[in-house]
Amino acid sequence: MKTKAMSLERATKEHVKRVLGKRIRHFTDPEIEGLLHIFIEAGEMAVLAHVGSPVETAESMEYSRNLLRTARTQQAATTPTGSPDRILPQEWQKADQIGRDNAHWLLRMPGVIGMGPAYKIKNGNVSGDVCLAIYVAEKLPNYLLKNRLSIPSLLYGQNIGPIRTDVVALGSFSEMSSVMIGDSIGPNNLRKRGTIGALATDLSSNQPVAITAMHVTGLKRDYPEDYVNSPSIQFSAPSQEYHDHELLGYLITGRSRHTDSGVDASSISIENNRQSDFYHPRIGKINGWRPISSSDLYLPVQMFGDTSKYQTGKIIVPTTSLTHIGLESVILVDILTNDGDSGAALVDNDGFVLGILSGRINATDLYFDTMGIRDLAVFCTIGYVLQELYCDII
């Protein structure tokens, strides 16, 4: 029996080494022993998840929750600047690619506003089956679809497929009208205000910047490319609607959803030696950013907007594109927002920024109605934002 146990331990240790691969040279023998212990413990918890008592399954769920937190922290720590804004498992990647392969004709169909990988909704509930969700302005009754090209139930990509489709109704999109995160911000030449969503570093100048939504600036083209001969745009924080407003800085880079940039974001310099505070009294310390993933479905999240102040909610659609309104990579969230919150950061409970608020969209599908959701906040994924602004949250 002892020999069999030793043999099993050796086999387990060899398996851990295979998982580490070339990374094994970075670990000492005691560290490998520690990883072996983690491997065995995780296996025990997986078994209990399937066959355990009520108390044992509760322990397994708590272990899984802590493991997920560890994985998200590791993901953030190992995600360099310029990495993909979302990391998807293979089946979600397949659905995403098939959507891209068919976008040239799907997005021309009347009423189609976007698409993205998702879990298929069956009888008002989310199933475990991955599909390509096709988002439409409204669902039409069958008698109105007789003379129209309909969305097929199966789609094929270039050399891949098939994937099932799911038509989901979203209504009209509206922008929120418009130092620490959550502070009020606004341009000096307009009575508009929004929210500072993130404090970052401009990688061209290595100087600190504040990030907010581009539409808060009042501009509808990319900056500075489309405004070469225009004067610099000053920003105040708080915005000029507050009596104690003071100069924050100048618009450095802006990317508008009305161009082909696919995002709604801008960066503003931080002048006059104003200090950047990466701690927020309600949200806590900002630890950086991480890509979105399919495991973030129903993830609890938080936000602090200039109008709505501190709010909590959950992710309903982790990743999709709303090409019809000019946004290529967004997260749809059930969370309260109001005018003036634009640019606010979506933050998970571990302090990682996930997105920047752009606006709201009506949630008209029956699936959302059964959940008591009337509209959804639209956040541009932070990885896409940072890539377009050439910034990083360090």
Protein backbone atom coordinates (compact mmCIF):
# COMPACT_ATOMS: atom_id res chain seq x y z
CA MET A 1 0.00 0.00 0.00
CA LYS A 2 2.85 2.38 0.92
CA THR A 3 4.59 1.60 -2.37
CA LYS A 4 1.38 2.35 -4.29
CA ALA A 5 0.98 5.70 -2.47
CA MET A 6 4.58 6.67 -3.23
CA SER A 7 4.09 5.70 -6.86
CA LEU A 8 0.95 7.86 -7.05
CA GLU A 9 2.80 10.79 -5.46
CA ARG A 10 5.63 10.47 -8.01
CA ALA A 11 3.13 10.34 -10.87
CA THR A 12 1.33 13.42 -9.50
CA LYS A 13 4.63 15.29 -9.18
CA GLU A 14 5.55 14.44 -12.76
CA HIS A 15 2.16 15.69 -13.90
CA VAL A 16 2.71 19.02 -12.11
CA LYS A 17 6.10 19.32 -13.83
CA ARG A 18 4.45 18.70 -17.22
CA VAL A 19 1.91 21.46 -16.45
CA LEU A 20 4.75 23.86 -15.62
CA GLY A 21 6.66 22.95 -18.78
CA LYS A 22 9.56 25.32 -19.45
CA ARG A 23 8.48 27.49 -16.53
CA ILE A 24 9.81 24.84 -14.15
CA ARG A 25 13.31 26.34 -14.29
CA HIS A 26 11.97 29.41 -12.44
CA PHE A 27 10.87 27.32 -9.43
CA THR A 28 12.88 25.85 -6.57
CA ASP A 29 12.24 22.34 -5.27
CA PRO A 30 10.33 23.64 -2.21
CA GLU A 31 8.16 25.80 -4.49
CA ILE A 32 7.39 22.77 -6.66
CA GLU A 33 6.43 20.87 -3.52
CA GLY A 34 4.06 23.73 -2.66
CA LEU A 35 2.47 23.56 -6.11
CA LEU A 36 2.13 19.79 -5.72
CA HIS A 37 0.18 20.39 -2.48
CA ILE A 38 -2.08 22.89 -4.31
CA PHE A 39 -2.62 20.35 -7.11
CA ILE A 40 -3.69 17.62 -4.68
CA GLU A 41 -5.89 19.98 -2.65
CA ALA A 42 -7.63 21.29 -5.79
CA GLY A 43 -8.27 17.71 -6.92
CA GLU A 44 -9.81 16.84 -3.56
CA MET A 45 -12.10 19.86 -3.75
CA ALA A 46 -13.16 18.92 -7.30
CA VAL A 47 -14.11 15.42 -6.12
CA LEU A 48 -16.09 16.83 -3.18
CA ALA A 49 -17.93 19.16 -5.56
CA HIS A 50 -19.32 16.05 -7.27
CA VAL A 51 -19.90 13.64 -4.38
CA GLY A 52 -19.56 15.65 -1.13
CA SER A 53 -22.01 16.26 1.68
CA PRO A 54 -23.71 19.69 2.05
CA VAL A 55 -20.85 20.88 4.29
CA GLU A 56 -18.16 19.47 1.96
CA THR A 57 -19.74 21.01 -1.15
CA ALA A 58 -19.89 24.36 0.70
CA GLU A 59 -16.15 24.05 1.39
CA SER A 60 -15.62 23.21 -2.28
CA MET A 61 -17.54 26.32 -3.39
CA GLU A 62 -15.53 28.54 -1.04
CA TYR A 63 -12.30 27.03 -2.37
CA SER A 64 -13.46 27.65 -5.95
CA ARG A 65 -14.30 31.27 -5.14
CA ASN A 66 -10.83 31.86 -3.70
CA LEU A 67 -9.24 30.03 -6.63
CA LEU A 68 -11.08 32.27 -9.09
CA ARG A 69 -9.86 35.37 -7.22
CA THR A 70 -6.28 34.05 -7.37
CA ALA A 71 -6.63 33.35 -11.10
CA ARG A 72 -7.93 36.88 -11.81
CA THR A 73 -5.07 38.43 -9.84
CA GLN A 74 -2.56 36.29 -11.73
CA GLN A 75 -4.20 37.19 -15.02
CA ALA A 76 -3.89 40.90 -14.26
CA ALA A 77 -0.26 40.54 -13.15
CA THR A 78 0.75 38.71 -16.33
CA THR A 79 -1.16 40.88 -18.82
CA PRO A 80 1.25 43.37 -20.45
CA THR A 81 0.31 46.56 -22.26
CA GLY A 82 -1.11 45.84 -25.71
CA SER A 83 -2.56 42.46 -24.73
CA PRO A 84 -6.04 41.45 -25.97
CA ASP A 85 -8.84 43.25 -24.14
CA ARG A 86 -10.66 39.95 -23.67
CA ILE A 87 -9.52 36.36 -23.21
CA LEU A 88 -12.02 33.74 -24.31
CA PRO A 89 -12.11 29.93 -24.09
CA GLN A 90 -11.96 27.96 -27.34
CA GLU A 91 -15.72 27.61 -27.92
CA TRP A 92 -16.26 31.36 -27.33
CA GLN A 93 -13.38 32.13 -29.71
CA LYS A 94 -15.08 29.96 -32.34
CA ALA A 95 -18.37 31.86 -31.96
CA ASP A 96 -16.55 35.20 -32.05
CA GLN A 97 -14.66 34.28 -35.23
CA ILE A 98 -17.81 33.02 -36.99
CA GLY A 99 -19.46 36.34 -36.10
CA ARG A 100 -16.55 38.27 -37.63
CA ASP A 101 -16.64 36.09 -40.75
CA ASN A 102 -20.34 36.88 -41.25
CA ALA A 103 -20.38 40.49 -40.04
CA HIS A 104 -20.22 41.91 -43.57
CA TRP A 105 -23.79 40.77 -44.31
CA LEU A 106 -25.30 40.33 -40.84
CA LEU A 107 -24.69 43.96 -39.88
CA ARG A 108 -26.47 45.10 -43.06
CA MET A 109 -29.68 43.41 -41.98
CA PRO A 110 -32.35 45.87 -40.78
CA GLY A 111 -32.43 46.13 -37.01
CA VAL A 112 -29.15 44.29 -36.28
CA ILE A 113 -26.98 46.41 -33.97
CA GLY A 114 -24.23 44.01 -32.93
CA MET A 115 -23.14 40.48 -32.08
CA GLY A 116 -20.90 38.47 -29.83
CA PRO A 117 -20.35 35.08 -28.18
CA ALA A 118 -22.69 34.23 -25.32
CA TYR A 119 -24.51 31.39 -23.62
CA LYS A 120 -27.76 30.54 -25.38
CA ILE A 121 -30.97 31.54 -23.59
CA LYS A 122 -33.51 28.69 -23.30
CA ASN A 123 -36.96 29.23 -21.82
CA GLY A 124 -35.80 32.47 -20.24
CA ASN A 125 -32.75 30.88 -18.60
CA VAL A 126 -29.07 30.91 -19.52
CA SER A 127 -27.94 27.46 -20.69
CA GLY A 128 -24.39 26.16 -20.81
CA ASP A 129 -24.44 26.08 -24.62
CA VAL A 130 -22.24 28.64 -26.36
CA CYS A 131 -23.85 30.50 -29.26
CA LEU A 132 -23.44 33.65 -31.34
CA ALA A 133 -25.85 36.22 -29.90
CA ILE A 134 -27.25 38.55 -32.58
CA TYR A 135 -28.45 41.79 -30.95
CA VAL A 136 -31.37 43.53 -32.64
CA ALA A 137 -33.23 46.76 -31.93
CA GLU A 138 -36.46 44.80 -31.48
CA LYS A 139 -37.85 41.35 -32.19
CA LEU A 140 -40.54 41.30 -34.83
CA PRO A 141 -43.51 38.89 -34.93
CA ASN A 142 -43.24 36.03 -37.43
CA TYR A 143 -45.84 37.45 -39.83
CA LEU A 144 -43.64 40.53 -40.36
CA LEU A 145 -40.61 38.36 -41.13
CA LYS A 146 -42.17 36.43 -44.03
CA ASN A 147 -40.79 38.71 -46.74
CA ARG A 148 -37.49 39.46 -45.00
CA LEU A 149 -34.17 37.69 -44.91
CA SER A 150 -34.11 35.96 -41.51
CA ILE A 151 -31.14 35.19 -39.29
CA PRO A 152 -30.27 31.49 -39.71
CA SER A 153 -30.27 29.24 -36.65
CA LEU A 154 -26.82 27.93 -37.61
CA LEU A 155 -23.88 29.90 -38.96
CA TYR A 156 -20.60 28.76 -40.50
CA GLY A 157 -17.32 30.64 -40.67
CA GLN A 158 -14.40 30.31 -43.01
CA ASN A 159 -13.34 26.71 -42.46
CA ILE A 160 -15.05 26.56 -39.05
CA GLY A 161 -18.51 25.91 -37.74
CA PRO A 162 -21.29 25.52 -37.21
CA ILE A 163 -22.44 27.60 -34.26
CA ARG A 164 -26.01 28.19 -33.13
CA THR A 165 -27.38 31.72 -33.11
CA ASP A 166 -29.60 33.43 -30.58
CA VAL A 167 -31.49 36.63 -31.42
CA VAL A 168 -31.58 39.00 -28.43
CA ALA A 169 -33.47 42.31 -28.40
CA LEU A 170 -31.77 45.49 -27.21
CA GLY A 171 -33.39 48.89 -27.67
CA SER A 172 -31.97 52.33 -28.34
CA PHE A 173 -28.59 53.50 -27.06
CA SER A 174 -28.10 56.81 -25.24
CA GLU A 175 -24.90 58.45 -24.08
CA MET A 176 -24.63 59.82 -20.56
CA SER A 177 -24.31 63.57 -20.85
CA SER A 178 -21.74 64.77 -19.66
CA VAL A 179 -7.90 63.80 -8.74
CA MET A 180 -9.28 60.36 -8.07
CA ILE A 181 -11.49 57.98 -9.97
CA GLY A 182 -15.11 59.05 -9.64
CA ASP A 183 -14.24 62.77 -9.64
CA SER A 184 -16.29 65.11 -11.80
CA ILE A 185 -14.63 66.31 -15.02
CA GLY A 186 -15.69 68.57 -17.88
CA PRO A 187 -14.33 70.70 -20.75
CA ASN A 188 -13.95 74.43 -20.05
CA ASN A 189 -15.59 75.44 -23.34
CA LEU A 190 -18.86 73.52 -22.82
CA ARG A 191 -21.36 72.91 -20.05
CA LYS A 192 -20.84 69.16 -20.09
CA ARG A 193 -19.64 66.88 -17.35
CA GLY A 194 -18.60 63.31 -16.90
CA THR A 195 -16.53 61.20 -14.53
CA ILE A 196 -12.84 60.35 -14.26
CA GLY A 197 -12.83 56.60 -14.74
CA ALA A 198 -9.17 55.75 -14.39
CA LEU A 199 -5.79 57.27 -13.66
CA ALA A 200 -3.16 55.97 -16.04
CA THR A 201 0.24 56.64 -17.59
CA ASP A 202 0.60 57.97 -21.14
CA LEU A 203 3.17 55.61 -22.67
CA SER A 204 4.43 58.26 -25.12
CA SER A 205 5.36 60.81 -22.46
CA ASN A 206 5.40 58.63 -19.33
CA GLN A 207 3.20 61.29 -17.71
CA PRO A 208 0.04 60.73 -15.62
CA VAL A 209 -3.35 61.12 -17.35
CA ALA A 210 -7.02 60.88 -16.45
CA ILE A 211 -9.30 58.73 -18.61
CA THR A 212 -12.96 59.46 -19.33
CA ALA A 213 -15.47 58.95 -22.16
CA MET A 214 -14.72 60.83 -25.38
CA HIS A 215 -18.26 62.20 -25.75
CA VAL A 216 -17.73 64.17 -22.52
CA THR A 217 -15.40 66.41 -24.58
CA GLY A 218 -18.23 67.34 -26.97
CA LEU A 219 -16.11 66.23 -29.95
CA LYS A 220 -17.34 63.65 -32.43
CA ARG A 221 -14.09 62.98 -34.29
CA ASP A 222 -10.75 61.51 -33.22
CA TYR A 223 -8.36 63.89 -31.46
CA PRO A 224 -5.85 65.27 -32.36
CA GLU A 225 -5.88 63.75 -35.88
CA ASP A 226 -9.13 65.43 -37.01
CA TYR A 227 -8.53 68.74 -35.16
CA VAL A 228 -5.00 69.66 -36.27
CA ASN A 229 -5.58 73.43 -36.36
CA SER A 230 -7.90 73.63 -33.36
CA PRO A 231 -6.88 75.21 -30.03
CA SER A 232 -6.09 72.99 -27.05
CA ILE A 233 -9.10 71.87 -25.03
CA GLN A 234 -8.87 72.52 -21.28
CA PHE A 235 -10.57 70.38 -18.67
CA SER A 236 -11.55 71.17 -15.11
CA ALA A 237 -11.98 68.79 -12.20
CA PRO A 238 -14.51 69.18 -10.76
CA SER A 239 -16.35 70.36 -13.86
CA GLN A 240 -17.37 74.00 -14.23
CA GLU A 241 -20.81 73.19 -12.85
CA TYR A 242 -19.15 73.15 -9.42
CA HIS A 243 -18.08 76.40 -7.76
CA ASP A 244 -14.73 74.94 -6.66
CA HIS A 245 -13.64 73.81 -10.14
CA GLU A 246 -9.99 74.12 -11.10
CA LEU A 247 -7.83 73.27 -14.09
CA LEU A 248 -7.07 69.56 -14.45
CA GLY A 249 -5.25 69.56 -17.79
CA TYR A 250 -5.59 69.30 -21.55
CA LEU A 251 -7.07 66.75 -23.92
CA ILE A 252 -4.24 64.55 -25.20
CA THR A 253 -5.93 61.76 -27.14
CA GLY A 254 -9.56 61.10 -27.98
CA ARG A 255 -11.25 58.22 -29.78
CA SER A 256 -14.88 58.69 -30.83
CA ARG A 257 -17.48 56.02 -31.51
CA HIS A 258 -18.56 58.14 -34.50
CA THR A 259 -15.31 57.19 -36.30
CA ASP A 260 -13.92 53.74 -37.05
CA SER A 261 -11.98 53.58 -33.76
CA GLY A 262 -14.69 51.43 -32.17
CA VAL A 263 -14.40 53.01 -28.73
CA ASP A 264 -15.55 56.02 -26.68
CA ALA A 265 -12.57 57.20 -24.62
CA SER A 266 -10.16 60.07 -24.06
CA SER A 267 -7.09 60.91 -21.99
CA ILE A 268 -6.47 64.25 -20.26
CA SER A 269 -3.16 65.46 -18.85
CA ILE A 270 -2.84 66.13 -15.12
CA GLU A 271 -1.26 69.55 -14.60
CA ASN A 272 -0.22 71.81 -11.70
CA ASN A 273 1.42 68.97 -9.78
CA ARG A 274 -1.96 67.52 -8.82
CA GLN A 275 -1.38 64.16 -7.20
CA SER A 276 -2.92 60.95 -8.57
CA ASP A 277 -4.71 58.95 -5.89
CA PHE A 278 -5.18 55.27 -6.73
CA TYR A 279 -7.34 54.72 -3.66
CA HIS A 280 -11.06 55.45 -3.58
CA PRO A 281 -12.91 55.65 -0.23
CA ARG A 282 -15.76 53.40 -1.42
CA ILE A 283 -14.15 51.19 -4.08
CA GLY A 284 -10.80 50.78 -2.34
CA LYS A 285 -7.36 50.50 -3.91
CA ILE A 286 -7.14 50.23 -7.69
CA ASN A 287 -4.75 47.35 -8.37
CA GLY A 288 -4.54 47.74 -12.16
CA TRP A 289 -6.65 46.29 -14.97
CA ARG A 290 -7.37 42.88 -16.45
CA PRO A 291 -8.97 41.49 -19.60
CA ILE A 292 -12.61 40.43 -19.53
CA SER A 293 -13.43 36.73 -19.90
CA SER A 294 -16.48 34.47 -20.21
CA SER A 295 -16.13 33.50 -16.54
CA ASP A 296 -17.11 37.08 -15.65
CA LEU A 297 -20.78 36.35 -16.43
CA TYR A 298 -22.82 37.56 -13.41
CA LEU A 299 -19.64 38.83 -11.74
CA PRO A 300 -20.39 41.38 -8.96
CA VAL A 301 -18.95 44.77 -9.94
CA GLN A 302 -18.86 48.33 -8.64
CA MET A 303 -18.73 51.87 -9.99
CA PHE A 304 -18.50 55.45 -8.70
CA GLY A 305 -20.05 58.10 -10.95
CA ASP A 306 -20.24 61.85 -10.47
CA THR A 307 -24.07 61.70 -10.37
CA SER A 308 -24.97 58.22 -9.15
CA LYS A 309 -22.05 58.00 -6.69
CA TYR A 310 -21.26 54.48 -5.44
CA GLN A 311 -23.21 51.70 -7.17
CA THR A 312 -22.95 47.93 -7.34
CA GLY A 313 -24.26 45.57 -10.00
CA LYS A 314 -23.43 42.48 -12.03
CA ILE A 315 -22.19 41.69 -15.52
CA ILE A 316 -24.98 40.39 -17.78
CA VAL A 317 -23.08 40.15 -21.10
CA PRO A 318 -19.29 39.82 -20.59
CA THR A 319 -18.27 40.55 -24.16
CA THR A 320 -19.94 41.66 -27.36
CA SER A 321 -19.73 44.28 -30.09
CA LEU A 322 -22.35 46.95 -30.80
CA THR A 323 -21.05 47.90 -34.21
CA HIS A 324 -24.25 49.74 -35.14
CA ILE A 325 -23.48 52.37 -32.49
CA GLY A 326 -19.75 52.38 -33.14
CA LEU A 327 -18.52 50.28 -30.20
CA GLU A 328 -16.46 47.20 -30.99
CA SER A 329 -15.76 45.66 -27.58
CA VAL A 330 -18.21 46.25 -24.74
CA ILE A 331 -19.54 44.81 -21.49
CA LEU A 332 -23.26 45.05 -20.67
CA VAL A 333 -23.92 45.53 -16.96
CA ASP A 334 -26.99 45.69 -14.73
CA ILE A 335 -26.01 48.74 -12.66
CA LEU A 336 -27.60 52.14 -11.96
CA THR A 337 -26.14 55.03 -13.98
CA ASN A 338 -27.25 58.58 -14.78
CA ASP A 339 -26.23 61.59 -16.82
CA GLY A 340 -22.83 62.78 -15.60
CA ASP A 341 -21.53 59.27 -14.91
CA SER A 342 -19.97 58.86 -18.38
CA GLY A 343 -16.36 57.75 -18.18
CA ALA A 344 -16.78 56.02 -14.80
CA ALA A 345 -14.75 52.85 -14.30
CA LEU A 346 -16.26 49.38 -13.92
CA VAL A 347 -14.22 47.71 -11.16
CA ASP A 348 -14.37 44.15 -9.83
CA ASN A 349 -14.23 43.38 -6.12
CA ASP A 350 -10.48 42.71 -6.33
CA GLY A 351 -9.77 46.27 -7.46
CA PHE A 352 -9.15 45.60 -11.17
CA VAL A 353 -10.63 47.98 -13.75
CA LEU A 354 -12.69 46.18 -16.43
CA GLY A 355 -14.28 48.97 -18.48
CA ILE A 356 -15.18 52.65 -18.98
CA LEU A 357 -18.84 53.76 -19.07
CA SER A 358 -20.10 55.03 -22.43
CA GLY A 359 -23.90 54.97 -22.14
CA ARG A 360 -27.04 52.88 -21.66
CA ILE A 361 -29.09 50.66 -23.91
CA ASN A 362 -32.66 49.43 -23.44
CA ALA A 363 -32.95 45.76 -22.50
CA THR A 364 -36.13 44.85 -24.34
CA ASP A 365 -35.73 41.08 -24.65
CA LEU A 366 -38.05 38.86 -22.60
CA TYR A 367 -34.98 37.25 -21.03
CA PHE A 368 -33.96 40.58 -19.46
CA ASP A 369 -37.55 41.29 -18.47
CA THR A 370 -37.75 38.08 -16.43
CA MET A 371 -34.66 39.25 -14.52
CA GLY A 372 -36.27 42.63 -13.81
CA ILE A 373 -33.78 44.45 -16.04
CA ARG A 374 -35.08 47.44 -18.01
CA ASP A 375 -31.82 48.78 -19.39
CA LEU A 376 -28.12 47.96 -19.31
CA ALA A 377 -25.04 50.13 -18.84
CA VAL A 378 -22.57 49.90 -21.73
CA PHE A 379 -18.88 49.85 -20.79
CA CYS A 380 -16.00 49.86 -23.31
CA THR A 381 -13.51 47.15 -22.29
CA ILE A 382 -10.53 48.75 -20.58
CA GLY A 383 -7.97 46.78 -22.62
CA TYR A 384 -9.40 48.23 -25.84
CA VAL A 385 -9.49 51.72 -24.29
CA LEU A 386 -5.87 51.60 -23.16
CA GLN A 387 -4.75 50.25 -26.51
CA GLU A 388 -6.46 53.05 -28.44
CA LEU A 389 -5.19 55.77 -26.07
CA TYR A 390 -1.71 54.25 -25.78
CA CYS A 391 -1.88 54.26 -21.99
CA ASP A 392 -1.51 51.80 -19.16
CA ILE A 393 -2.76 51.55 -15.59
CA ILE A 394 0.47 50.79 -13.75
